[in-house]
Amino acid sequence: MNKDVFSNLTYGLYIISTKYEDHFAGCIVNTVVQATPEEKPKLIVIVNKENDTNITMKKSKKVNLSVLSEEADMLLIGKFGFRSSKDYNKLENTEYKIGNNNIPVITEKAVSYIEASVINEIDLTTHTIFVLEANEAEVISNKPVMTYDYYHNVVKGKTPPKASSFAV
């Protein structure tokens, strides 16, 4: 199988954040899809099972999704994409606000955000598909959104092994 084909699929770059009791977790994901357009849209997000954010989302049943702009730099992306929430305070020196669900929403270099509830989980062996129901959504700016292609070709960013689109 020629896995180069999969790099032709389009993705964005997002920070998801969640909190259970006093533990905050957040990470970069590239797979977020709006699945339905109803009053409270349903979305899916895919997270590696080894990621602390996955574990915390399963407990919390709540998550916030921040859509990154092309202005997002490697300091922000590296903080959320290449470090573990178990070992590092990702909120330190990061712009955020507390959402209506009492979970931090990352606003730094974000164009919009969605607050959502986890309504279902699907096991994919190495990853979990979380089915979400949107509860709140806000536009922060009209700047261009960060696509995965832009991240690779302009920012020159790498893909961590735990990403859902990591090609071997």
N, C-alpha and C. Protein backbone atom coordinates (compact mmCIF):
# COMPACT_ATOMS: atom_id res chain seq x y z
N MET A 1 0.84 -1.18 0.00
CA MET A 1 0.00 0.00 0.00
C MET A 1 0.89 1.24 0.00
N ASN A 2 0.58 2.19 -0.85
CA ASN A 2 1.31 3.45 -0.90
C ASN A 2 0.68 4.43 0.09
N LYS A 3 1.30 4.59 1.26
CA LYS A 3 0.76 5.44 2.31
C LYS A 3 0.91 6.92 2.00
N ASP A 4 1.64 7.28 0.95
CA ASP A 4 1.73 8.69 0.56
C ASP A 4 0.36 9.24 0.17
N VAL A 5 -0.53 8.37 -0.29
CA VAL A 5 -1.88 8.77 -0.66
C VAL A 5 -2.57 9.48 0.51
N PHE A 6 -2.32 9.01 1.73
CA PHE A 6 -3.02 9.55 2.90
C PHE A 6 -2.61 10.98 3.21
N SER A 7 -1.45 11.42 2.72
CA SER A 7 -1.06 12.81 2.94
C SER A 7 -1.87 13.76 2.07
N ASN A 8 -2.64 13.24 1.12
CA ASN A 8 -3.51 14.06 0.28
C ASN A 8 -4.85 14.38 0.95
N LEU A 9 -5.16 13.70 2.05
CA LEU A 9 -6.38 14.00 2.77
C LEU A 9 -6.20 15.33 3.51
N THR A 10 -7.25 16.12 3.60
CA THR A 10 -7.13 17.43 4.23
C THR A 10 -7.45 17.35 5.72
N TYR A 11 -6.71 18.13 6.48
CA TYR A 11 -6.85 18.19 7.94
C TYR A 11 -6.65 19.64 8.37
N GLY A 12 -7.05 19.91 9.59
CA GLY A 12 -6.74 21.18 10.24
C GLY A 12 -5.83 20.90 11.40
N LEU A 13 -5.55 21.92 12.18
CA LEU A 13 -4.76 21.76 13.40
C LEU A 13 -5.55 22.40 14.54
N TYR A 14 -5.78 21.62 15.58
CA TYR A 14 -6.64 22.03 16.69
C TYR A 14 -5.97 21.72 18.02
N ILE A 15 -6.30 22.50 19.03
CA ILE A 15 -5.94 22.15 20.41
C ILE A 15 -7.22 21.73 21.09
N ILE A 16 -7.20 20.52 21.68
CA ILE A 16 -8.33 20.11 22.49
C ILE A 16 -7.90 20.20 23.95
N SER A 17 -8.85 20.58 24.79
CA SER A 17 -8.56 20.70 26.21
C SER A 17 -9.70 20.07 27.00
N THR A 18 -9.32 19.49 28.13
CA THR A 18 -10.29 18.82 28.98
C THR A 18 -9.81 18.91 30.42
N LYS A 19 -10.69 18.61 31.34
CA LYS A 19 -10.32 18.68 32.76
C LYS A 19 -11.21 17.72 33.54
N TYR A 20 -10.57 16.98 34.43
CA TYR A 20 -11.31 16.11 35.35
C TYR A 20 -10.80 16.39 36.75
N GLU A 21 -11.71 16.79 37.62
CA GLU A 21 -11.36 17.24 38.96
C GLU A 21 -10.33 18.36 38.82
N ASP A 22 -9.13 18.22 39.38
CA ASP A 22 -8.14 19.29 39.28
C ASP A 22 -7.12 19.06 38.17
N HIS A 23 -7.27 17.99 37.40
CA HIS A 23 -6.28 17.67 36.37
C HIS A 23 -6.70 18.21 35.00
N PHE A 24 -5.86 19.10 34.45
CA PHE A 24 -6.06 19.63 33.11
C PHE A 24 -5.22 18.83 32.12
N ALA A 25 -5.76 18.56 30.96
CA ALA A 25 -5.01 17.92 29.89
C ALA A 25 -5.40 18.58 28.56
N GLY A 26 -4.43 18.65 27.68
CA GLY A 26 -4.70 19.22 26.36
C GLY A 26 -3.67 18.72 25.38
N CYS A 27 -4.05 18.68 24.10
CA CYS A 27 -3.12 18.24 23.08
C CYS A 27 -3.53 18.78 21.72
N ILE A 28 -2.62 18.65 20.77
CA ILE A 28 -2.89 18.99 19.37
C ILE A 28 -3.51 17.77 18.71
N VAL A 29 -4.55 17.99 17.93
CA VAL A 29 -5.13 16.94 17.09
C VAL A 29 -5.28 17.49 15.68
N ASN A 30 -5.35 16.59 14.71
CA ASN A 30 -5.55 17.02 13.33
C ASN A 30 -6.82 16.42 12.74
N THR A 31 -7.54 15.64 13.53
CA THR A 31 -8.74 15.00 13.00
C THR A 31 -9.96 15.41 13.81
N VAL A 32 -10.64 16.45 13.32
CA VAL A 32 -11.91 16.91 13.87
C VAL A 32 -12.85 17.05 12.68
N VAL A 33 -14.04 16.47 12.79
CA VAL A 33 -14.99 16.51 11.68
C VAL A 33 -16.37 16.86 12.22
N GLN A 34 -17.04 17.82 11.56
CA GLN A 34 -18.44 18.06 11.88
C GLN A 34 -19.24 16.96 11.20
N ALA A 35 -19.99 16.19 11.97
CA ALA A 35 -20.72 15.05 11.43
C ALA A 35 -22.17 15.37 11.10
N THR A 36 -22.80 16.28 11.85
CA THR A 36 -24.19 16.66 11.59
C THR A 36 -24.36 18.16 11.76
N PRO A 37 -25.35 18.76 11.07
CA PRO A 37 -25.54 20.22 11.13
C PRO A 37 -26.68 20.67 12.04
N GLU A 38 -27.23 19.79 12.86
CA GLU A 38 -28.43 20.12 13.63
C GLU A 38 -28.21 21.24 14.65
N GLU A 39 -29.24 21.54 15.45
CA GLU A 39 -29.18 22.61 16.45
C GLU A 39 -27.94 22.49 17.33
N LYS A 40 -27.64 21.30 17.81
CA LYS A 40 -26.41 21.03 18.55
C LYS A 40 -25.60 20.06 17.68
N PRO A 41 -24.75 20.61 16.80
CA PRO A 41 -24.01 19.75 15.86
C PRO A 41 -23.20 18.67 16.56
N LYS A 42 -23.12 17.53 15.89
CA LYS A 42 -22.28 16.43 16.37
C LYS A 42 -20.95 16.50 15.63
N LEU A 43 -19.88 16.20 16.35
CA LEU A 43 -18.54 16.21 15.78
C LEU A 43 -17.84 14.92 16.19
N ILE A 44 -16.77 14.62 15.49
CA ILE A 44 -15.90 13.54 15.93
C ILE A 44 -14.48 14.09 16.05
N VAL A 45 -13.77 13.59 17.04
CA VAL A 45 -12.37 13.91 17.22
C VAL A 45 -11.66 12.60 17.54
N ILE A 46 -10.47 12.43 17.00
CA ILE A 46 -9.73 11.18 17.19
C ILE A 46 -8.47 11.48 17.99
N VAL A 47 -8.28 10.70 19.08
CA VAL A 47 -7.17 10.92 20.00
C VAL A 47 -6.49 9.59 20.31
N ASN A 48 -5.16 9.60 20.31
CA ASN A 48 -4.38 8.40 20.63
C ASN A 48 -4.69 7.97 22.06
N LYS A 49 -4.84 6.66 22.26
CA LYS A 49 -5.18 6.12 23.58
C LYS A 49 -4.08 6.34 24.61
N GLU A 50 -2.83 6.45 24.18
CA GLU A 50 -1.72 6.65 25.10
C GLU A 50 -1.62 8.10 25.58
N ASN A 51 -2.40 8.98 24.98
CA ASN A 51 -2.34 10.39 25.30
C ASN A 51 -3.12 10.67 26.59
N ASP A 52 -2.54 11.44 27.48
CA ASP A 52 -3.20 11.81 28.74
C ASP A 52 -4.53 12.50 28.48
N THR A 53 -4.64 13.23 27.39
CA THR A 53 -5.89 13.91 27.05
C THR A 53 -7.00 12.90 26.80
N ASN A 54 -6.70 11.80 26.14
CA ASN A 54 -7.68 10.73 25.90
C ASN A 54 -8.21 10.20 27.23
N ILE A 55 -7.29 9.88 28.12
CA ILE A 55 -7.66 9.32 29.43
C ILE A 55 -8.53 10.30 30.21
N THR A 56 -8.14 11.58 30.19
CA THR A 56 -8.87 12.59 30.93
C THR A 56 -10.24 12.87 30.31
N MET A 57 -10.33 12.86 28.97
CA MET A 57 -11.63 13.04 28.29
C MET A 57 -12.60 11.94 28.66
N LYS A 58 -12.11 10.72 28.77
CA LYS A 58 -12.98 9.59 29.12
C LYS A 58 -13.58 9.77 30.51
N LYS A 59 -12.84 10.39 31.41
CA LYS A 59 -13.34 10.64 32.76
C LYS A 59 -14.26 11.86 32.80
N SER A 60 -13.84 12.92 32.13
CA SER A 60 -14.54 14.20 32.18
C SER A 60 -15.85 14.22 31.39
N LYS A 61 -15.81 13.60 30.22
CA LYS A 61 -16.94 13.63 29.27
C LYS A 61 -17.20 15.03 28.72
N LYS A 62 -16.19 15.92 28.85
CA LYS A 62 -16.30 17.28 28.32
C LYS A 62 -14.98 17.65 27.65
N VAL A 63 -15.06 18.46 26.60
CA VAL A 63 -13.86 18.86 25.88
C VAL A 63 -14.11 20.19 25.18
N ASN A 64 -13.05 20.96 25.03
CA ASN A 64 -13.10 22.18 24.23
C ASN A 64 -12.14 22.03 23.06
N LEU A 65 -12.55 22.53 21.90
CA LEU A 65 -11.75 22.46 20.68
C LEU A 65 -11.42 23.88 20.24
N SER A 66 -10.14 24.19 20.13
CA SER A 66 -9.71 25.49 19.63
C SER A 66 -9.14 25.31 18.24
N VAL A 67 -9.67 26.07 17.28
CA VAL A 67 -9.22 26.01 15.89
C VAL A 67 -8.05 26.98 15.75
N LEU A 68 -6.88 26.47 15.41
CA LEU A 68 -5.68 27.32 15.34
C LEU A 68 -5.62 28.12 14.05
N SER A 69 -5.03 29.30 14.17
CA SER A 69 -4.81 30.15 12.99
C SER A 69 -3.43 29.85 12.41
N GLU A 70 -3.18 30.36 11.22
CA GLU A 70 -1.87 30.21 10.59
C GLU A 70 -0.78 30.90 11.41
N GLU A 71 -1.16 31.78 12.33
CA GLU A 71 -0.20 32.48 13.18
C GLU A 71 0.33 31.61 14.32
N ALA A 72 -0.27 30.46 14.55
CA ALA A 72 0.19 29.59 15.63
C ALA A 72 1.65 29.21 15.37
N ASP A 73 2.48 29.40 16.38
CA ASP A 73 3.91 29.14 16.21
C ASP A 73 4.30 27.80 16.82
N MET A 74 5.55 27.43 16.59
CA MET A 74 6.03 26.14 17.08
C MET A 74 6.13 26.07 18.60
N LEU A 75 6.23 27.21 19.28
CA LEU A 75 6.22 27.18 20.74
C LEU A 75 4.87 26.67 21.26
N LEU A 76 3.79 27.20 20.71
CA LEU A 76 2.45 26.77 21.12
C LEU A 76 2.20 25.33 20.65
N ILE A 77 2.49 25.06 19.39
CA ILE A 77 2.25 23.73 18.84
C ILE A 77 3.11 22.69 19.58
N GLY A 78 4.36 23.03 19.84
CA GLY A 78 5.24 22.11 20.56
C GLY A 78 4.76 21.84 21.97
N LYS A 79 4.28 22.88 22.64
CA LYS A 79 3.79 22.74 24.02
C LYS A 79 2.65 21.74 24.09
N PHE A 80 1.70 21.85 23.16
CA PHE A 80 0.52 20.98 23.19
C PHE A 80 0.69 19.71 22.37
N GLY A 81 1.65 19.69 21.44
CA GLY A 81 1.78 18.54 20.56
C GLY A 81 2.90 17.58 20.88
N PHE A 82 3.89 18.04 21.64
CA PHE A 82 5.05 17.20 21.86
C PHE A 82 5.40 17.03 23.34
N ARG A 83 4.50 17.44 24.22
CA ARG A 83 4.71 17.29 25.66
C ARG A 83 3.47 16.65 26.27
N SER A 84 3.66 15.97 27.38
CA SER A 84 2.54 15.31 28.06
C SER A 84 1.98 16.20 29.16
N SER A 85 0.67 16.24 29.25
CA SER A 85 0.00 16.98 30.33
C SER A 85 0.30 16.37 31.69
N LYS A 86 0.71 15.12 31.72
CA LYS A 86 1.06 14.48 32.99
C LYS A 86 2.31 15.10 33.59
N ASP A 87 3.21 15.59 32.72
CA ASP A 87 4.52 16.06 33.16
C ASP A 87 4.73 17.57 33.04
N TYR A 88 3.80 18.27 32.38
CA TYR A 88 4.06 19.67 32.03
C TYR A 88 2.77 20.48 32.14
N ASN A 89 2.86 21.67 32.72
CA ASN A 89 1.71 22.56 32.83
C ASN A 89 1.57 23.35 31.52
N LYS A 90 0.71 22.89 30.66
CA LYS A 90 0.55 23.50 29.34
C LYS A 90 -0.17 24.85 29.39
N LEU A 91 -0.83 25.15 30.50
CA LEU A 91 -1.52 26.43 30.62
C LEU A 91 -0.58 27.58 31.00
N GLU A 92 0.59 27.24 31.55
CA GLU A 92 1.54 28.27 31.95
C GLU A 92 2.00 29.05 30.72
N ASN A 93 1.87 30.37 30.79
CA ASN A 93 2.24 31.28 29.70
C ASN A 93 1.45 31.01 28.42
N THR A 94 0.23 30.53 28.55
CA THR A 94 -0.66 30.29 27.42
C THR A 94 -1.93 31.13 27.62
N GLU A 95 -2.37 31.80 26.57
CA GLU A 95 -3.60 32.59 26.66
C GLU A 95 -4.80 31.64 26.61
N TYR A 96 -5.69 31.78 27.59
CA TYR A 96 -6.89 30.96 27.64
C TYR A 96 -7.95 31.66 28.46
N LYS A 97 -9.17 31.17 28.36
CA LYS A 97 -10.25 31.61 29.22
C LYS A 97 -10.97 30.37 29.71
N ILE A 98 -11.75 30.51 30.75
CA ILE A 98 -12.52 29.38 31.26
C ILE A 98 -13.85 29.35 30.53
N GLY A 99 -14.15 28.21 29.92
CA GLY A 99 -15.40 28.05 29.18
C GLY A 99 -16.59 27.88 30.12
N ASN A 100 -17.76 27.88 29.53
CA ASN A 100 -18.99 27.66 30.30
C ASN A 100 -19.02 26.30 30.96
N ASN A 101 -18.19 25.36 30.45
CA ASN A 101 -18.12 24.01 31.02
C ASN A 101 -17.02 23.90 32.08
N ASN A 102 -16.47 25.06 32.49
CA ASN A 102 -15.41 25.14 33.51
C ASN A 102 -14.09 24.51 33.08
N ILE A 103 -13.88 24.38 31.78
CA ILE A 103 -12.63 23.85 31.22
C ILE A 103 -11.94 24.99 30.48
N PRO A 104 -10.62 25.12 30.63
CA PRO A 104 -9.91 26.16 29.88
C PRO A 104 -10.10 26.00 28.36
N VAL A 105 -10.34 27.12 27.71
CA VAL A 105 -10.41 27.21 26.25
C VAL A 105 -9.15 27.93 25.81
N ILE A 106 -8.33 27.30 24.99
CA ILE A 106 -7.11 27.95 24.50
C ILE A 106 -7.51 28.98 23.45
N THR A 107 -7.21 30.25 23.74
CA THR A 107 -7.56 31.34 22.83
C THR A 107 -6.34 31.87 22.08
N GLU A 108 -5.14 31.51 22.55
CA GLU A 108 -3.91 31.96 21.91
C GLU A 108 -3.81 31.43 20.48
N LYS A 109 -3.69 32.35 19.54
CA LYS A 109 -3.54 32.01 18.11
C LYS A 109 -4.69 31.13 17.59
N ALA A 110 -5.87 31.28 18.21
CA ALA A 110 -7.04 30.51 17.78
C ALA A 110 -8.01 31.44 17.04
N VAL A 111 -8.72 30.90 16.06
CA VAL A 111 -9.70 31.69 15.32
C VAL A 111 -11.12 31.45 15.84
N SER A 112 -11.31 30.30 16.51
CA SER A 112 -12.63 29.98 17.05
C SER A 112 -12.49 28.83 18.03
N TYR A 113 -13.58 28.55 18.73
CA TYR A 113 -13.57 27.41 19.63
C TYR A 113 -14.97 26.83 19.77
N ILE A 114 -15.01 25.58 20.20
CA ILE A 114 -16.25 24.85 20.44
C ILE A 114 -16.14 24.18 21.80
N GLU A 115 -17.19 24.32 22.60
CA GLU A 115 -17.29 23.58 23.86
C GLU A 115 -18.24 22.42 23.59
N ALA A 116 -17.86 21.21 24.01
CA ALA A 116 -18.66 20.03 23.65
C ALA A 116 -18.68 19.00 24.77
N SER A 117 -19.68 18.13 24.67
CA SER A 117 -19.82 16.99 25.57
C SER A 117 -19.54 15.72 24.79
N VAL A 118 -18.88 14.76 25.44
CA VAL A 118 -18.64 13.45 24.83
C VAL A 118 -19.92 12.64 24.97
N ILE A 119 -20.47 12.17 23.83
CA ILE A 119 -21.70 11.39 23.89
C ILE A 119 -21.50 9.92 23.48
N ASN A 120 -20.32 9.63 22.91
CA ASN A 120 -20.03 8.23 22.54
C ASN A 120 -18.54 8.09 22.29
N GLU A 121 -18.05 6.85 22.41
CA GLU A 121 -16.65 6.55 22.14
C GLU A 121 -16.58 5.28 21.30
N ILE A 122 -15.67 5.29 20.33
CA ILE A 122 -15.48 4.12 19.47
C ILE A 122 -14.00 3.75 19.52
N ASP A 123 -13.74 2.51 19.85
CA ASP A 123 -12.37 2.01 19.98
C ASP A 123 -11.79 1.70 18.60
N LEU A 124 -10.61 2.26 18.32
CA LEU A 124 -9.91 2.00 17.05
C LEU A 124 -8.55 1.34 17.29
N THR A 125 -8.44 0.52 18.30
CA THR A 125 -7.21 -0.16 18.68
C THR A 125 -6.20 0.80 19.30
N THR A 126 -5.57 1.66 18.50
CA THR A 126 -4.57 2.60 19.03
C THR A 126 -5.15 3.96 19.37
N HIS A 127 -6.31 4.28 18.82
CA HIS A 127 -6.95 5.58 19.01
C HIS A 127 -8.41 5.39 19.44
N THR A 128 -9.00 6.48 19.92
CA THR A 128 -10.42 6.50 20.24
C THR A 128 -11.08 7.57 19.40
N ILE A 129 -12.22 7.22 18.79
CA ILE A 129 -13.07 8.23 18.17
C ILE A 129 -14.01 8.71 19.26
N PHE A 130 -13.97 9.99 19.56
CA PHE A 130 -14.92 10.58 20.49
C PHE A 130 -16.00 11.27 19.66
N VAL A 131 -17.26 10.89 19.91
CA VAL A 131 -18.39 11.57 19.28
C VAL A 131 -18.83 12.65 20.25
N LEU A 132 -18.89 13.87 19.75
CA LEU A 132 -19.17 15.03 20.59
C LEU A 132 -20.47 15.71 20.19
N GLU A 133 -21.07 16.38 21.15
CA GLU A 133 -22.21 17.25 20.88
C GLU A 133 -21.79 18.66 21.27
N ALA A 134 -21.86 19.59 20.31
CA ALA A 134 -21.46 20.97 20.56
C ALA A 134 -22.48 21.65 21.46
N ASN A 135 -21.98 22.37 22.47
CA ASN A 135 -22.85 23.11 23.38
C ASN A 135 -22.70 24.62 23.22
N GLU A 136 -21.50 25.06 22.88
CA GLU A 136 -21.19 26.48 22.67
C GLU A 136 -20.20 26.56 21.52
N ALA A 137 -20.19 27.68 20.82
CA ALA A 137 -19.22 27.91 19.76
C ALA A 137 -19.07 29.41 19.56
N GLU A 138 -17.82 29.86 19.43
CA GLU A 138 -17.55 31.29 19.26
C GLU A 138 -16.45 31.51 18.24
N VAL A 139 -16.58 32.59 17.47
CA VAL A 139 -15.53 33.03 16.56
C VAL A 139 -14.69 34.05 17.31
N ILE A 140 -13.37 33.90 17.26
CA ILE A 140 -12.45 34.82 17.91
C ILE A 140 -11.88 35.82 16.90
N SER A 141 -11.54 35.33 15.70
CA SER A 141 -11.00 36.20 14.66
C SER A 141 -11.32 35.62 13.29
N ASN A 142 -11.07 36.42 12.26
CA ASN A 142 -11.30 35.97 10.88
C ASN A 142 -10.00 35.66 10.17
N LYS A 143 -8.94 35.38 10.93
CA LYS A 143 -7.65 35.05 10.33
C LYS A 143 -7.72 33.66 9.69
N PRO A 144 -6.82 33.38 8.74
CA PRO A 144 -6.83 32.06 8.08
C PRO A 144 -6.55 30.93 9.08
N VAL A 145 -7.26 29.83 8.92
CA VAL A 145 -7.06 28.67 9.80
C VAL A 145 -5.82 27.88 9.37
N MET A 146 -5.20 27.25 10.35
CA MET A 146 -4.01 26.43 10.11
C MET A 146 -4.45 25.08 9.56
N THR A 147 -4.05 24.78 8.34
CA THR A 147 -4.30 23.44 7.79
C THR A 147 -3.07 22.59 8.07
N TYR A 148 -3.24 21.29 7.99
CA TYR A 148 -2.11 20.39 8.22
C TYR A 148 -1.07 20.57 7.12
N ASP A 149 -1.52 20.86 5.90
CA ASP A 149 -0.61 21.11 4.79
C ASP A 149 0.24 22.36 5.07
N TYR A 150 -0.39 23.43 5.55
CA TYR A 150 0.33 24.65 5.89
C TYR A 150 1.34 24.37 7.00
N TYR A 151 0.94 23.63 8.00
CA TYR A 151 1.82 23.26 9.11
C TYR A 151 3.07 22.55 8.60
N HIS A 152 2.90 21.61 7.69
CA HIS A 152 4.04 20.84 7.17
C HIS A 152 4.89 21.65 6.19
N ASN A 153 4.23 22.37 5.27
CA ASN A 153 4.96 23.00 4.17
C ASN A 153 5.44 24.43 4.43
N VAL A 154 4.77 25.16 5.31
CA VAL A 154 5.17 26.54 5.61
C VAL A 154 5.85 26.62 6.97
N VAL A 155 5.20 26.07 7.99
CA VAL A 155 5.77 26.09 9.34
C VAL A 155 6.92 25.09 9.44
N LYS A 156 6.90 24.08 8.58
CA LYS A 156 7.92 23.01 8.56
C LYS A 156 7.84 22.14 9.81
N GLY A 157 6.60 21.95 10.31
CA GLY A 157 6.38 21.14 11.49
C GLY A 157 6.41 19.65 11.20
N LYS A 158 6.72 18.90 12.21
CA LYS A 158 6.77 17.43 12.12
C LYS A 158 5.50 16.83 12.72
N THR A 159 5.25 15.57 12.43
CA THR A 159 4.11 14.84 12.97
C THR A 159 4.58 13.92 14.07
N PRO A 160 4.02 14.08 15.29
CA PRO A 160 4.42 13.16 16.36
C PRO A 160 3.85 11.76 16.13
N PRO A 161 4.51 10.73 16.63
CA PRO A 161 4.05 9.35 16.41
C PRO A 161 2.63 9.06 16.90
N LYS A 162 2.13 9.80 17.88
CA LYS A 162 0.79 9.54 18.41
C LYS A 162 -0.34 10.20 17.60
N ALA A 163 0.02 10.97 16.57
CA ALA A 163 -1.00 11.63 15.75
C ALA A 163 -1.78 10.61 14.96
N SER A 164 -3.05 10.92 14.72
CA SER A 164 -3.90 9.96 13.98
C SER A 164 -3.50 9.83 12.53
N SER A 165 -2.76 10.80 11.97
CA SER A 165 -2.36 10.73 10.57
C SER A 165 -0.89 10.39 10.40
N PHE A 166 -0.23 9.94 11.46
CA PHE A 166 1.20 9.62 11.37
C PHE A 166 1.42 8.53 10.35
N ALA A 167 2.29 8.80 9.38
CA ALA A 167 2.61 7.80 8.36
C ALA A 167 3.92 7.10 8.71
N VAL A 168 3.91 5.80 8.66
CA VAL A 168 5.10 5.01 9.00
C VAL A 168 6.07 5.03 7.85
